[in-house]
C-alpha atoms as a PDB file:
ATOM      1  CA  MET A   1      27.809-111.380-136.624  1.00  0.00           C
ATOM      2  CA  GLY A   2      30.496-114.006-135.997  1.00  0.00           C
ATOM      3  CA  ASN A   3      34.183-113.373-136.648  1.00  0.00           C
ATOM      4  CA  THR A   4      35.917-116.073-138.673  1.00  0.00           C
ATOM      5  CA  TYR A   5      39.316-114.622-137.820  1.00  0.00           C
ATOM      6  CA  PRO A   6      41.025-114.809-134.392  1.00  0.00           C
ATOM      7  CA  TYR A   7      41.045-111.522-132.559  1.00  0.00           C
ATOM      8  CA  ASN A   8      44.442-109.908-132.688  1.00  0.00           C
ATOM      9  CA  THR A   9      45.881-109.668-129.179  1.00  0.00           C
ATOM     10  CA  ARG A  10      48.413-107.063-130.222  1.00  0.00           C
ATOM     11  CA  LEU A  11      45.590-104.885-131.525  1.00  0.00           C
ATOM     12  CA  LEU A  12      43.808-105.053-128.167  1.00  0.00           C
ATOM     13  CA  LEU A  13      46.950-104.192-126.202  1.00  0.00           C
ATOM     14  CA  ARG A  14      47.780-101.218-128.402  1.00  0.00           C
ATOM     15  CA  GLN A  15      44.193-100.009-128.268  1.00  0.00           C
ATOM     16  CA  GLU A  16      44.341-100.102-124.470  1.00  0.00           C
ATOM     17  CA  LEU A  17      47.538 -98.049-124.585  1.00  0.00           C
ATOM     18  CA  PHE A  18      45.792 -95.605-126.931  1.00  0.00           C
ATOM     19  CA  PHE A  19      42.813 -95.336-124.602  1.00  0.00           C
ATOM     20  CA  VAL A  20      45.005 -94.650-121.560  1.00  0.00           C
ATOM     21  CA  ARG A  21      47.121 -92.061-123.356  1.00  0.00           C
ATOM     22  CA  GLN A  22      44.122 -90.388-124.934  1.00  0.00           C
ATOM     23  CA  GLY A  23      42.677 -89.857-121.494  1.00  0.00           C
ATOM     24  CA  SER A  24      39.264 -90.313-119.965  1.00  0.00           C
ATOM     25  CA  TYR A  25      38.509 -86.848-118.680  1.00  0.00           C
ATOM     26  CA  SER A  26      38.052 -83.479-120.353  1.00  0.00           C
ATOM     27  CA  ARG A  27      38.484 -80.340-118.271  1.00  0.00           C
ATOM     28  CA  ASN A  28      36.239 -78.378-120.608  1.00  0.00           C
ATOM     29  CA  SER A  29      33.318 -80.763-120.701  1.00  0.00           C
ATOM     30  CA  GLY A  30      31.903 -80.229-117.219  1.00  0.00           C
ATOM     31  CA  TYR A  31      29.523 -82.772-115.770  1.00  0.00           C
ATOM     32  CA  LEU A  32      29.115 -84.585-119.072  1.00  0.00           C
ATOM     33  CA  CYS A  33      32.284 -86.608-118.545  1.00  0.00           C
ATOM     34  CA  SER A  34      32.134 -86.953-114.785  1.00  0.00           C
ATOM     35  CA  MET A  35      33.284 -90.349-113.590  1.00  0.00           C
ATOM     36  CA  THR A  36      29.940 -90.697-111.788  1.00  0.00           C
ATOM     37  CA  GLN A  37      27.944 -90.327-115.003  1.00  0.00           C
ATOM     38  CA  PRO A  38      27.056 -93.338-117.170  1.00  0.00           C
ATOM     39  CA  ARG A  39      29.099 -93.622-120.328  1.00  0.00           C
ATOM     40  CA  ILE A  40      27.299 -94.097-123.627  1.00  0.00           C
ATOM     41  CA  ILE A  41      28.067 -95.079-127.205  1.00  0.00           C
ATOM     42  CA  ILE A  42      27.673 -92.414-129.885  1.00  0.00           C
ATOM     43  CA  ALA A  43      27.302 -93.817-133.408  1.00  0.00           C
ATOM     44  CA  ILE A  44      27.706 -91.420-136.331  1.00  0.00           C
ATOM     45  CA  ASP A  45      26.867 -92.489-139.873  1.00  0.00           C
ATOM     46  CA  GLY A  46      26.554 -90.599-143.127  1.00  0.00           C
ATOM     47  CA  TYR A  47      27.980 -89.960-146.554  1.00  0.00           C
ATOM     48  CA  SER A  48      31.546 -88.915-147.291  1.00  0.00           C
ATOM     49  CA  SER A  49      32.544 -85.330-146.489  1.00  0.00           C
ATOM     50  CA  CYS A  50      29.600 -84.646-144.203  1.00  0.00           C
ATOM     51  CA  GLY A  51      31.836 -83.758-141.269  1.00  0.00           C
ATOM     52  CA  LYS A  52      31.446 -87.055-139.405  1.00  0.00           C
ATOM     53  CA  SER A  53      35.068 -87.312-138.310  1.00  0.00           C
ATOM     54  CA  THR A  54      35.306 -83.653-137.323  1.00  0.00           C
ATOM     55  CA  LEU A  55      32.253 -83.919-135.107  1.00  0.00           C
ATOM     56  CA  ALA A  56      33.334 -87.280-133.676  1.00  0.00           C
ATOM     57  CA  ARG A  57      36.743 -85.912-132.663  1.00  0.00           C
ATOM     58  CA  GLN A  58      35.194 -82.839-131.064  1.00  0.00           C
ATOM     59  CA  LEU A  59      32.695 -84.912-129.115  1.00  0.00           C
ATOM     60  CA  ALA A  60      35.377 -87.293-127.888  1.00  0.00           C
ATOM     61  CA  ALA A  61      37.523 -84.379-126.720  1.00  0.00           C
ATOM     62  CA  GLN A  62      34.627 -82.684-124.934  1.00  0.00           C
ATOM     63  CA  LEU A  63      33.373 -85.835-123.266  1.00  0.00           C
ATOM     64  CA  GLY A  64      36.671 -87.520-122.519  1.00  0.00           C
ATOM     65  CA  TYR A  65      35.539 -90.429-124.711  1.00  0.00           C
ATOM     66  CA  HIS A  66      37.561 -92.555-127.106  1.00  0.00           C
ATOM     67  CA  TYR A  67      37.269 -91.702-130.793  1.00  0.00           C
ATOM     68  CA  ILE A  68      37.451 -94.580-133.271  1.00  0.00           C
ATOM     69  CA  ASP A  69      37.756 -93.747-136.977  1.00  0.00           C
ATOM     70  CA  SER A  70      36.258 -96.852-138.572  1.00  0.00           C
ATOM     71  CA  GLY A  71      36.919 -95.406-142.016  1.00  0.00           C
ATOM     72  CA  ALA A  72      40.654 -95.388-141.294  1.00  0.00           C
ATOM     73  CA  MET A  73      40.476 -99.129-140.664  1.00  0.00           C
ATOM     74  CA  TYR A  74      38.911 -99.781-144.075  1.00  0.00           C
ATOM     75  CA  ARG A  75      41.372 -97.419-145.728  1.00  0.00           C
ATOM     76  CA  ALA A  76      44.307 -99.234-144.136  1.00  0.00           C
ATOM     77  CA  ILE A  77      42.960-102.573-145.348  1.00  0.00           C
ATOM     78  CA  THR A  78      42.531-101.073-148.829  1.00  0.00           C
ATOM     79  CA  LEU A  79      46.113 -99.798-148.732  1.00  0.00           C
ATOM     80  CA  TYR A  80      47.324-103.312-147.955  1.00  0.00           C
ATOM     81  CA  PHE A  81      45.249-104.781-150.795  1.00  0.00           C
ATOM     82  CA  LEU A  82      46.663-102.232-153.260  1.00  0.00           C
ATOM     83  CA  ARG A  83      50.256-102.716-152.173  1.00  0.00           C
ATOM     84  CA  ASN A  84      49.944-106.483-152.432  1.00  0.00           C
ATOM     85  CA  ALA A  85      47.820-106.606-155.602  1.00  0.00           C
ATOM     86  CA  VAL A  86      45.106-108.617-153.874  1.00  0.00           C
ATOM     87  CA  ASP A  87      42.413-109.839-156.270  1.00  0.00           C
ATOM     88  CA  ILE A  88      39.265-108.684-154.478  1.00  0.00           C
ATOM     89  CA  GLY A  89      37.162-110.980-156.653  1.00  0.00           C
ATOM     90  CA  ASN A  90      38.988-114.013-155.255  1.00  0.00           C
ATOM     91  CA  ARG A  91      37.571-114.969-151.830  1.00  0.00           C
ATOM     92  CA  ASP A  92      40.600-117.107-150.962  1.00  0.00           C
ATOM     93  CA  ALA A  93      42.970-114.282-151.824  1.00  0.00           C
ATOM     94  CA  VAL A  94      40.934-111.880-149.703  1.00  0.00           C
ATOM     95  CA  ALA A  95      40.868-114.292-146.748  1.00  0.00           C
ATOM     96  CA  ASN A  96      44.624-114.864-146.980  1.00  0.00           C
ATOM     97  CA  ALA A  97      45.251-111.120-147.110  1.00  0.00           C
ATOM     98  CA  ILE A  98      43.086-110.413-144.070  1.00  0.00           C
ATOM     99  CA  ALA A  99      44.917-113.120-142.120  1.00  0.00           C
ATOM    100  CA  ASN A 100      48.125-111.129-142.650  1.00  0.00           C
ATOM    101  CA  ILE A 101      46.732-107.753-141.585  1.00  0.00           C
ATOM    102  CA  ASN A 102      47.350-106.313-138.125  1.00  0.00           C
ATOM    103  CA  LEU A 103      45.569-103.021-137.380  1.00  0.00           C
ATOM    104  CA  SER A 104      46.122-100.863-134.339  1.00  0.00           C
ATOM    105  CA  PHE A 105      45.475 -97.320-133.129  1.00  0.00           C
ATOM    106  CA  VAL A 106      48.244 -95.343-131.461  1.00  0.00           C
ATOM    107  CA  PHE A 107      47.677 -91.915-129.966  1.00  0.00           C
ATOM    108  CA  ASN A 108      49.702 -89.203-131.716  1.00  0.00           C
ATOM    109  CA  GLU A 109      50.820 -86.587-129.183  1.00  0.00           C
ATOM    110  CA  VAL A 110      51.490 -84.020-131.905  1.00  0.00           C
ATOM    111  CA  ARG A 111      48.135 -84.328-133.665  1.00  0.00           C
ATOM    112  CA  GLN A 112      46.272 -85.096-130.428  1.00  0.00           C
ATOM    113  CA  ALA A 113      44.456 -87.809-132.346  1.00  0.00           C
ATOM    114  CA  SER A 114      44.882 -91.490-133.092  1.00  0.00           C
ATOM    115  CA  ASP A 115      46.914 -92.813-136.016  1.00  0.00           C
ATOM    116  CA  VAL A 116      46.012 -96.124-137.602  1.00  0.00           C
ATOM    117  CA  TYR A 117      48.906 -98.556-137.932  1.00  0.00           C
ATOM    118  CA  LEU A 118      49.052-101.271-140.584  1.00  0.00           C
ATOM    119  CA  ASN A 119      51.366-104.109-139.585  1.00  0.00           C
ATOM    120  CA  ASP A 120      53.263-101.762-137.261  1.00  0.00           C
ATOM    121  CA  GLU A 121      53.629 -99.030-139.909  1.00  0.00           C
ATOM    122  CA  ASN A 122      51.909 -95.693-139.421  1.00  0.00           C
ATOM    123  CA  ALA A 123      49.486 -95.687-142.362  1.00  0.00           C
ATOM    124  CA  GLU A 124      48.075 -92.189-141.802  1.00  0.00           C
ATOM    125  CA  PRO A 125      50.340 -90.507-144.419  1.00  0.00           C
ATOM    126  CA  PHE A 126      49.012 -92.839-147.128  1.00  0.00           C
ATOM    127  CA  ILE A 127      45.379 -93.741-146.475  1.00  0.00           C
ATOM    128  CA  ARG A 128      43.927 -90.407-147.669  1.00  0.00           C
ATOM    129  CA  ASP A 129      45.539 -90.614-151.118  1.00  0.00           C
ATOM    130  CA  MET A 130      43.159 -90.580-154.076  1.00  0.00           C
ATOM    131  CA  ILE A 131      44.173 -94.094-155.139  1.00  0.00           C
ATOM    132  CA  VAL A 132      42.937 -95.377-151.778  1.00  0.00           C
ATOM    133  CA  SER A 133      39.817 -93.184-151.872  1.00  0.00           C
ATOM    134  CA  GLU A 134      38.921 -94.623-155.268  1.00  0.00           C
ATOM    135  CA  LYS A 135      39.032 -98.213-153.986  1.00  0.00           C
ATOM    136  CA  VAL A 136      38.008 -98.069-150.329  1.00  0.00           C
ATOM    137  CA  SER A 137      34.243 -98.349-150.888  1.00  0.00           C
ATOM    138  CA  GLU A 138      34.757-101.375-153.129  1.00  0.00           C
ATOM    139  CA  VAL A 139      36.992-103.104-150.582  1.00  0.00           C
ATOM    140  CA  ALA A 140      34.694-102.179-147.677  1.00  0.00           C
ATOM    141  CA  ALA A 141      31.794-103.842-149.485  1.00  0.00           C
ATOM    142  CA  ILE A 142      33.461-107.271-149.255  1.00  0.00           C
ATOM    143  CA  ARG A 143      31.769-109.411-146.620  1.00  0.00           C
ATOM    144  CA  GLU A 144      34.987-110.920-145.242  1.00  0.00           C
ATOM    145  CA  VAL A 145      36.482-107.467-144.814  1.00  0.00           C
ATOM    146  CA  ARG A 146      33.450-106.184-142.933  1.00  0.00           C
ATOM    147  CA  VAL A 147      33.289-109.244-140.668  1.00  0.00           C
ATOM    148  CA  PHE A 148      36.959-108.704-139.806  1.00  0.00           C
ATOM    149  CA  ALA A 149      36.567-104.974-139.112  1.00  0.00           C
ATOM    150  CA  VAL A 150      33.161-105.021-137.378  1.00  0.00           C
ATOM    151  CA  ALA A 151      34.243-107.663-134.868  1.00  0.00           C
ATOM    152  CA  GLN A 152      37.161-105.470-133.815  1.00  0.00           C
ATOM    153  CA  GLN A 153      35.005-102.349-133.664  1.00  0.00           C
ATOM    154  CA  GLN A 154      32.486-104.093-131.413  1.00  0.00           C
ATOM    155  CA  ARG A 155      35.287-105.220-129.122  1.00  0.00           C
ATOM    156  CA  MET A 156      36.346-101.584-128.738  1.00  0.00           C
ATOM    157  CA  GLY A 157      32.855-100.647-127.525  1.00  0.00           C
ATOM    158  CA  LEU A 158      32.545-103.222-124.763  1.00  0.00           C
ATOM    159  CA  HIS A 159      33.065-100.632-122.014  1.00  0.00           C
ATOM    160  CA  LYS A 160      31.240 -97.820-123.832  1.00  0.00           C
ATOM    161  CA  GLY A 161      32.484 -94.243-123.618  1.00  0.00           C
ATOM    162  CA  ILE A 162      33.309 -94.147-127.335  1.00  0.00           C
ATOM    163  CA  VAL A 163      32.416 -92.119-130.399  1.00  0.00           C
ATOM    164  CA  MET A 164      32.657 -93.995-133.691  1.00  0.00           C
ATOM    165  CA  ASP A 165      31.870 -92.767-137.176  1.00  0.00           C
ATOM    166  CA  GLY A 166      31.381 -94.682-140.395  1.00  0.00           C
ATOM    167  CA  ARG A 167      28.708 -96.051-142.710  1.00  0.00           C
ATOM    168  CA  ASP A 168      27.065 -98.798-140.644  1.00  0.00           C
ATOM    169  CA  ILE A 169      27.892 -97.936-137.041  1.00  0.00           C
ATOM    170  CA  GLY A 170      24.295 -97.390-135.924  1.00  0.00           C
ATOM    171  CA  THR A 171      22.837-100.174-138.046  1.00  0.00           C
ATOM    172  CA  ALA A 172      25.374-103.023-137.814  1.00  0.00           C
ATOM    173  CA  VAL A 173      28.206-102.284-135.387  1.00  0.00           C
ATOM    174  CA  PHE A 174      26.268-100.743-132.490  1.00  0.00           C
ATOM    175  CA  PRO A 175      22.534-101.115-133.204  1.00  0.00           C
ATOM    176  CA  ASP A 176      21.818-100.449-129.501  1.00  0.00           C
ATOM    177  CA  ALA A 177      23.901 -97.262-129.251  1.00  0.00           C
ATOM    178  CA  GLU A 178      22.344 -94.684-126.948  1.00  0.00           C
ATOM    179  CA  LEU A 179      22.788 -91.888-129.501  1.00  0.00           C
ATOM    180  CA  LYS A 180      22.756 -92.412-133.252  1.00  0.00           C
ATOM    181  CA  LEU A 181      23.334 -89.617-135.733  1.00  0.00           C
ATOM    182  CA  PHE A 182      22.959 -89.637-139.496  1.00  0.00           C
ATOM    183  CA  MET A 183      24.811 -86.748-141.076  1.00  0.00           C
ATOM    184  CA  THR A 184      24.192 -85.186-144.440  1.00  0.00           C
ATOM    185  CA  ALA A 185      24.930 -82.002-146.381  1.00  0.00           C
ATOM    186  CA  ASP A 186      24.250 -80.533-149.810  1.00  0.00           C
ATOM    187  CA  PRO A 187      26.313 -82.289-152.530  1.00  0.00           C
ATOM    188  CA  GLU A 188      28.039 -79.060-153.588  1.00  0.00           C
ATOM    189  CA  VAL A 189      29.063 -78.357-150.000  1.00  0.00           C
ATOM    190  CA  ARG A 190      30.458 -81.872-149.642  1.00  0.00           C
ATOM    191  CA  VAL A 191      32.478 -81.615-152.858  1.00  0.00           C
ATOM    192  CA  MET A 192      34.061 -78.329-151.791  1.00  0.00           C
ATOM    193  CA  ARG A 193      34.899 -79.695-148.340  1.00  0.00           C
ATOM    194  CA  ARG A 194      36.646 -82.741-149.771  1.00  0.00           C
ATOM    195  CA  PHE A 195      38.403 -80.653-152.426  1.00  0.00           C
ATOM    196  CA  LYS A 196      39.898 -78.336-149.791  1.00  0.00           C
ATOM    197  CA  GLU A 197      40.950 -81.311-147.690  1.00  0.00           C
ATOM    198  CA  MET A 198      42.663 -83.110-150.586  1.00  0.00           C
ATOM    199  CA  TYR A 199      44.165 -80.011-152.213  1.00  0.00           C
ATOM    200  CA  ALA A 200      46.415 -79.508-149.193  1.00  0.00           C
ATOM    201  CA  THR A 201      48.313 -82.706-150.016  1.00  0.00           C
ATOM    202  CA  ASN A 202      47.476 -83.018-153.727  1.00  0.00           C
ATOM    203  CA  PRO A 203      47.454 -79.586-155.446  1.00  0.00           C
ATOM    204  CA  GLY A 204      46.848 -81.246-158.816  1.00  0.00           C
ATOM    205  CA  ILE A 205      43.404 -82.533-157.828  1.00  0.00           C
ATOM    206  CA  THR A 206      40.385 -81.055-159.621  1.00  0.00           C
ATOM    207  CA  LEU A 207      36.830 -80.412-158.502  1.00  0.00           C
ATOM    208  CA  ASP A 208      35.525 -82.778-161.177  1.00  0.00           C
ATOM    209  CA  GLU A 209      37.732 -85.590-159.886  1.00  0.00           C
ATOM    210  CA  VAL A 210      36.521 -85.051-156.341  1.00  0.00           C
ATOM    211  CA  LYS A 211      32.882 -84.878-157.424  1.00  0.00           C
ATOM    212  CA  SER A 212      33.162 -88.089-159.458  1.00  0.00           C
ATOM    213  CA  ASN A 213      34.847 -89.882-156.561  1.00  0.00           C
ATOM    214  CA  LEU A 214      32.152 -88.829-154.080  1.00  0.00           C
ATOM    215  CA  GLU A 215      29.343 -89.837-156.441  1.00  0.00           C
ATOM    216  CA  LEU A 216      30.909 -93.264-156.998  1.00  0.00           C
ATOM    217  CA  ARG A 217      31.472 -93.815-153.276  1.00  0.00           C
ATOM    218  CA  ASP A 218      27.893 -92.775-152.487  1.00  0.00           C
ATOM    219  CA  TYR A 219      26.582 -95.299-155.003  1.00  0.00           C
ATOM    220  CA  ILE A 220      28.747 -98.170-153.794  1.00  0.00           C
ATOM    221  CA  ASP A 221      28.142 -97.418-150.098  1.00  0.00           C
ATOM    222  CA  SER A 222      24.369 -97.238-150.579  1.00  0.00           C
ATOM    223  CA  THR A 223      23.880-100.253-152.830  1.00  0.00           C
ATOM    224  CA  ARG A 224      26.347-102.846-151.515  1.00  0.00           C
ATOM    225  CA  ASP A 225      24.891-106.126-150.248  1.00  0.00           C
ATOM    226  CA  GLU A 226      26.846-106.158-146.978  1.00  0.00           C
ATOM    227  CA  SER A 227      25.769-103.468-144.454  1.00  0.00           C
ATOM    228  CA  PRO A 228      24.788-100.736-146.935  1.00  0.00           C
ATOM    229  CA  LEU A 229      24.763 -97.115-145.843  1.00  0.00           C
ATOM    230  CA  ARG A 230      21.322 -96.228-144.534  1.00  0.00           C
ATOM    231  CA  ARG A 231      19.821 -94.171-141.762  1.00  0.00           C
ATOM    232  CA  ALA A 232      18.841 -96.204-138.707  1.00  0.00           C
ATOM    233  CA  ALA A 233      15.180 -95.814-137.778  1.00  0.00           C
ATOM    234  CA  ASP A 234      16.112 -94.146-134.486  1.00  0.00           C
ATOM    235  CA  ALA A 235      18.987 -92.021-135.804  1.00  0.00           C
ATOM    236  CA  VAL A 236      18.774 -88.231-135.556  1.00  0.00           C
ATOM    237  CA  LEU A 237      19.231 -86.546-138.942  1.00  0.00           C
ATOM    238  CA  VAL A 238      21.809 -83.737-138.857  1.00  0.00           C
ATOM    239  CA  ASP A 239      22.070 -81.574-141.985  1.00  0.00           C
ATOM    240  CA  ASN A 240      25.127 -79.387-141.468  1.00  0.00           C
ATOM    241  CA  SER A 241      25.117 -77.630-144.844  1.00  0.00           C
ATOM    242  CA  ASN A 242      24.675 -74.287-143.095  1.00  0.00           C
ATOM    243  CA  LEU A 243      26.238 -75.065-139.723  1.00  0.00           C
ATOM    244  CA  ASN A 244      29.781 -74.313-138.670  1.00  0.00           C
ATOM    245  CA  CYS A 245      31.701 -76.732-136.465  1.00  0.00           C
ATOM    246  CA  ASP A 246      30.894 -74.927-133.212  1.00  0.00           C
ATOM    247  CA  GLU A 247      27.167 -74.742-133.976  1.00  0.00           C
ATOM    248  CA  GLN A 248      27.082 -78.400-134.890  1.00  0.00           C
ATOM    249  CA  LEU A 249      28.948 -79.415-131.733  1.00  0.00           C
ATOM    250  CA  LYS A 250      26.656 -77.366-129.500  1.00  0.00           C
ATOM    251  CA  LEU A 251      23.575 -78.935-131.100  1.00  0.00           C
ATOM    252  CA  VAL A 252      24.805 -82.497-130.635  1.00  0.00           C
ATOM    253  CA  LEU A 253      26.104 -81.950-127.090  1.00  0.00           C
ATOM    254  CA  GLU A 254      22.538 -81.144-126.070  1.00  0.00           C
ATOM    255  CA  MET A 255      21.475 -84.503-127.503  1.00  0.00           C
ATOM    256  CA  VAL A 256      24.267 -86.209-125.562  1.00  0.00           C
ATOM    257  CA  LYS A 257      23.131 -84.521-122.379  1.00  0.00           C
ATOM    258  CA  ASP A 258      19.603 -85.857-122.877  1.00  0.00           C
ATOM    259  CA  ARG A 259      20.866 -89.401-123.538  1.00  0.00           C
ATOM    260  CA  ILE A 260      23.038 -89.384-120.413  1.00  0.00           C
ATOM    261  CA  LYS A 261      20.077 -88.210-118.341  1.00  0.00           C
ATOM    262  CA  ALA A 262      17.981 -91.025-119.820  1.00  0.00           C
ATOM    263  CA  ALA A 263      20.699 -93.532-118.948  1.00  0.00           C
ATOM    264  CA  LEU A 264      20.720 -92.259-115.363  1.00  0.00           C
ATOM    265  CA  ARG A 265      17.008 -92.991-115.047  1.00  0.00           C
ATOM    266  CA  LYS A 266      17.438 -96.635-116.052  1.00  0.00           C
END
């Protein structure tokens, strides 16, 4: 897919800084992240609140890989659109807005994770708000937005050794990824997970609000014209309704081990 917008040099430089500071070796991951082993791309797709980001961060830490939160990119773009009252039905307005957006990832030493920056402002404190959650699927469905974001995501994967989660990572961003996962969980489990996550910063949130938001996002993500959420034909289905984080990580690390062995044989 071609990018109609020039690649942002500042984004690339700050990503490289993030990659260096994040590190490329994990003491706890053994041979999996050895410098002599081939590095692969791990693409994780699935619905909201299925634990994609949690698993992706754990994998990146274990393997010494770079974790890219594609959802944070779309949330940051949505935040910009909301702040600037961009008419998402106006293609010219959308194109003009995108031309004024600079996204970057900077490693946060305190959180030991990357923060997404919007035009040099740390957007992490704002992108999880309900107002953004209610609009992000709609904004992410816009073709121009996806072209802009996907081109940058693909640039990040040029040297492999990354874990990226989202809605179309295995189908559109990295269709040739060595390991593709499609994550799911029971709807009630997903609602409770998101409720607990949002309640920490928004005690006034209700279960009904969270449920309605997830149902709407599922519908928009699955039915949009541009890169709809779907399971890639070669993606491994992971239902983590009854798995804790450690069990899930152990299960997927075995898959990673098999993919690295397969890459060695090529």
